[in-house]
Amino acid sequence: MKSAIVHWPQTPVSRRVEMTAFTIPSLKLRAAALVASVSLVWAISIYGFTNLGLVYQLALVPRRIDGLMGVITMPFVHQSFSHLVVNTVPLSIMAGLLLLRGVRYYCFVSIAII
């Protein structure tokens, strides 16, 4: 009985390097996108702490047509400073993982989720 040997197609070495290597400008762009995203959430939330009317405008209000805008804006609203701090950690981790695929992918997924 003859054993079957399966030969998988080999990826060229240069292509393998391109897929795994990150260039310095690419990493800087991804880090800037991460910092910008987290900064935006923090800026809107801190402004909301000083202006309580903004929190009610951005929050999701059930059973009201004008409250549907909150579906898009509620990720930027936090109840307290500790709520904001605790949510920053998973946001940073998940955004960082998405940014490994690229900034365009991160933007597309962020918009699709909201």
C-alpha atoms as a PDB file:
ATOM      1  CA  MET A   1       0.000   0.000   0.000  1.00  0.00           C
ATOM      2  CA  LYS A   2       1.376   3.353  -1.017  1.00  0.00           C
ATOM      3  CA  SER A   3       1.128   6.275   1.428  1.00  0.00           C
ATOM      4  CA  ALA A   4      -0.201   9.522   0.085  1.00  0.00           C
ATOM      5  CA  ILE A   5       1.933  12.569   0.708  1.00  0.00           C
ATOM      6  CA  VAL A   6       0.114  15.857   0.524  1.00  0.00           C
ATOM      7  CA  HIS A   7       2.177  18.828  -0.609  1.00  0.00           C
ATOM      8  CA  TRP A   8       0.651  22.117   0.442  1.00  0.00           C
ATOM      9  CA  PRO A   9       1.424  25.102  -1.749  1.00  0.00           C
ATOM     10  CA  GLN A  10       4.211  27.158  -0.272  1.00  0.00           C
ATOM     11  CA  THR A  11       3.822  30.847   0.209  1.00  0.00           C
ATOM     12  CA  PRO A  12       6.783  32.786  -1.130  1.00  0.00           C
ATOM     13  CA  VAL A  13       9.045  34.026   1.647  1.00  0.00           C
ATOM     14  CA  SER A  14       8.733  37.656   0.552  1.00  0.00           C
ATOM     15  CA  ARG A  15       4.927  37.446   0.781  1.00  0.00           C
ATOM     16  CA  ARG A  16       5.097  35.862   4.236  1.00  0.00           C
ATOM     17  CA  VAL A  17       7.252  38.750   5.426  1.00  0.00           C
ATOM     18  CA  GLU A  18       4.824  41.306   4.006  1.00  0.00           C
ATOM     19  CA  MET A  19       1.880  39.738   5.832  1.00  0.00           C
ATOM     20  CA  THR A  20       3.561  39.626   9.228  1.00  0.00           C
ATOM     21  CA  ALA A  21       5.849  42.660   9.266  1.00  0.00           C
ATOM     22  CA  PHE A  22       4.527  46.017  10.377  1.00  0.00           C
ATOM     23  CA  THR A  23       6.301  49.113   9.190  1.00  0.00           C
ATOM     24  CA  ILE A  24       6.953  51.985  11.575  1.00  0.00           C
ATOM     25  CA  PRO A  25       4.611  54.440   9.760  1.00  0.00           C
ATOM     26  CA  SER A  26       1.894  51.776   9.773  1.00  0.00           C
ATOM     27  CA  LEU A  27       2.278  51.230  13.517  1.00  0.00           C
ATOM     28  CA  LYS A  28       2.241  54.985  14.145  1.00  0.00           C
ATOM     29  CA  LEU A  29      -0.965  55.350  12.139  1.00  0.00           C
ATOM     30  CA  ARG A  30      -2.611  52.489  14.026  1.00  0.00           C
ATOM     31  CA  ALA A  31      -1.499  53.870  17.388  1.00  0.00           C
ATOM     32  CA  ALA A  32      -2.815  57.310  16.407  1.00  0.00           C
ATOM     33  CA  ALA A  33      -6.183  55.787  15.482  1.00  0.00           C
ATOM     34  CA  LEU A  34      -6.345  54.007  18.844  1.00  0.00           C
ATOM     35  CA  VAL A  35      -5.447  57.140  20.784  1.00  0.00           C
ATOM     36  CA  ALA A  36      -7.934  59.210  18.756  1.00  0.00           C
ATOM     37  CA  SER A  37     -10.772  56.746  19.401  1.00  0.00           C
ATOM     38  CA  VAL A  38     -10.159  56.545  23.141  1.00  0.00           C
ATOM     39  CA  SER A  39      -9.631  60.316  23.350  1.00  0.00           C
ATOM     40  CA  LEU A  40     -12.924  60.967  21.582  1.00  0.00           C
ATOM     41  CA  VAL A  41     -14.814  58.787  24.058  1.00  0.00           C
ATOM     42  CA  TRP A  42     -13.057  60.451  26.997  1.00  0.00           C
ATOM     43  CA  ALA A  43     -13.613  63.999  25.680  1.00  0.00           C
ATOM     44  CA  ILE A  44     -17.330  63.498  25.084  1.00  0.00           C
ATOM     45  CA  SER A  45     -17.797  61.731  28.414  1.00  0.00           C
ATOM     46  CA  ILE A  46     -15.931  64.361  30.428  1.00  0.00           C
ATOM     47  CA  TYR A  47     -17.887  67.094  28.671  1.00  0.00           C
ATOM     48  CA  GLY A  48     -21.050  65.161  29.507  1.00  0.00           C
ATOM     49  CA  PHE A  49     -20.088  65.067  33.203  1.00  0.00           C
ATOM     50  CA  THR A  50     -20.045  68.879  33.258  1.00  0.00           C
ATOM     51  CA  ASN A  51     -23.116  69.292  31.046  1.00  0.00           C
ATOM     52  CA  LEU A  52     -25.854  66.899  32.187  1.00  0.00           C
ATOM     53  CA  GLY A  53     -28.188  68.024  29.413  1.00  0.00           C
ATOM     54  CA  LEU A  54     -25.783  66.525  26.893  1.00  0.00           C
ATOM     55  CA  VAL A  55     -26.017  63.114  28.561  1.00  0.00           C
ATOM     56  CA  TYR A  56     -29.779  63.062  28.100  1.00  0.00           C
ATOM     57  CA  GLN A  57     -29.474  64.188  24.483  1.00  0.00           C
ATOM     58  CA  LEU A  58     -26.951  61.460  23.627  1.00  0.00           C
ATOM     59  CA  ALA A  59     -28.453  58.628  25.674  1.00  0.00           C
ATOM     60  CA  LEU A  60     -30.897  56.073  24.307  1.00  0.00           C
ATOM     61  CA  VAL A  61     -34.419  56.984  25.391  1.00  0.00           C
ATOM     62  CA  PRO A  62     -36.839  54.056  25.182  1.00  0.00           C
ATOM     63  CA  ARG A  63     -40.241  54.407  23.510  1.00  0.00           C
ATOM     64  CA  ARG A  64     -39.461  57.799  21.994  1.00  0.00           C
ATOM     65  CA  ILE A  65     -38.648  58.577  18.378  1.00  0.00           C
ATOM     66  CA  ASP A  66     -36.242  61.376  19.293  1.00  0.00           C
ATOM     67  CA  GLY A  67     -34.398  58.923  21.575  1.00  0.00           C
ATOM     68  CA  LEU A  68     -33.362  56.708  18.658  1.00  0.00           C
ATOM     69  CA  MET A  69     -30.324  58.910  18.020  1.00  0.00           C
ATOM     70  CA  GLY A  70     -28.925  57.325  21.175  1.00  0.00           C
ATOM     71  CA  VAL A  71     -28.363  54.063  19.303  1.00  0.00           C
ATOM     72  CA  ILE A  72     -25.452  55.778  17.549  1.00  0.00           C
ATOM     73  CA  THR A  73     -24.290  58.104  20.328  1.00  0.00           C
ATOM     74  CA  MET A  74     -24.661  55.984  23.471  1.00  0.00           C
ATOM     75  CA  PRO A  75     -21.147  54.435  23.265  1.00  0.00           C
ATOM     76  CA  PHE A  76     -19.857  57.918  24.099  1.00  0.00           C
ATOM     77  CA  VAL A  77     -22.019  58.379  27.213  1.00  0.00           C
ATOM     78  CA  HIS A  78     -20.942  57.096  30.624  1.00  0.00           C
ATOM     79  CA  GLN A  79     -22.706  57.342  33.963  1.00  0.00           C
ATOM     80  CA  SER A  80     -19.649  58.054  36.113  1.00  0.00           C
ATOM     81  CA  PHE A  81     -15.905  58.465  35.953  1.00  0.00           C
ATOM     82  CA  SER A  82     -15.344  54.915  37.211  1.00  0.00           C
ATOM     83  CA  HIS A  83     -17.669  53.601  34.472  1.00  0.00           C
ATOM     84  CA  LEU A  84     -15.560  55.463  31.907  1.00  0.00           C
ATOM     85  CA  VAL A  85     -12.272  54.111  33.289  1.00  0.00           C
ATOM     86  CA  VAL A  86     -13.518  50.519  33.435  1.00  0.00           C
ATOM     87  CA  ASN A  87     -14.840  50.685  29.854  1.00  0.00           C
ATOM     88  CA  THR A  88     -11.576  52.156  28.555  1.00  0.00           C
ATOM     89  CA  VAL A  89      -9.624  48.933  29.168  1.00  0.00           C
ATOM     90  CA  PRO A  90     -11.745  46.616  26.975  1.00  0.00           C
ATOM     91  CA  LEU A  91     -12.161  49.369  24.379  1.00  0.00           C
ATOM     92  CA  SER A  92      -8.383  49.729  24.123  1.00  0.00           C
ATOM     93  CA  ILE A  93      -7.813  45.976  23.908  1.00  0.00           C
ATOM     94  CA  MET A  94     -10.526  45.309  21.333  1.00  0.00           C
ATOM     95  CA  ALA A  95      -9.633  48.360  19.254  1.00  0.00           C
ATOM     96  CA  GLY A  96      -5.965  47.379  19.359  1.00  0.00           C
ATOM     97  CA  LEU A  97      -6.793  43.890  18.119  1.00  0.00           C
ATOM     98  CA  LEU A  98      -8.927  45.277  15.308  1.00  0.00           C
ATOM     99  CA  LEU A  99      -6.200  47.731  14.378  1.00  0.00           C
ATOM    100  CA  LEU A 100      -3.840  44.826  13.788  1.00  0.00           C
ATOM    101  CA  ARG A 101      -5.865  44.256  10.604  1.00  0.00           C
ATOM    102  CA  GLY A 102      -5.525  47.913   9.611  1.00  0.00           C
ATOM    103  CA  VAL A 103      -7.112  51.307  10.127  1.00  0.00           C
ATOM    104  CA  ARG A 104      -9.575  50.908   7.266  1.00  0.00           C
ATOM    105  CA  TYR A 105     -10.796  47.605   8.717  1.00  0.00           C
ATOM    106  CA  TYR A 106     -11.088  49.190  12.184  1.00  0.00           C
ATOM    107  CA  CYS A 107     -13.176  52.070  10.839  1.00  0.00           C
ATOM    108  CA  PHE A 108     -15.433  49.735   8.871  1.00  0.00           C
ATOM    109  CA  VAL A 109     -16.039  47.438  11.866  1.00  0.00           C
ATOM    110  CA  SER A 110     -16.622  50.392  14.226  1.00  0.00           C
ATOM    111  CA  ILE A 111     -19.249  51.865  11.925  1.00  0.00           C
ATOM    112  CA  ALA A 112     -20.846  48.467  11.340  1.00  0.00           C
ATOM    113  CA  ILE A 113     -21.121  47.811  15.078  1.00  0.00           C
ATOM    114  CA  ILE A 114     -22.713  51.159  15.814  1.00  0.00           C
END
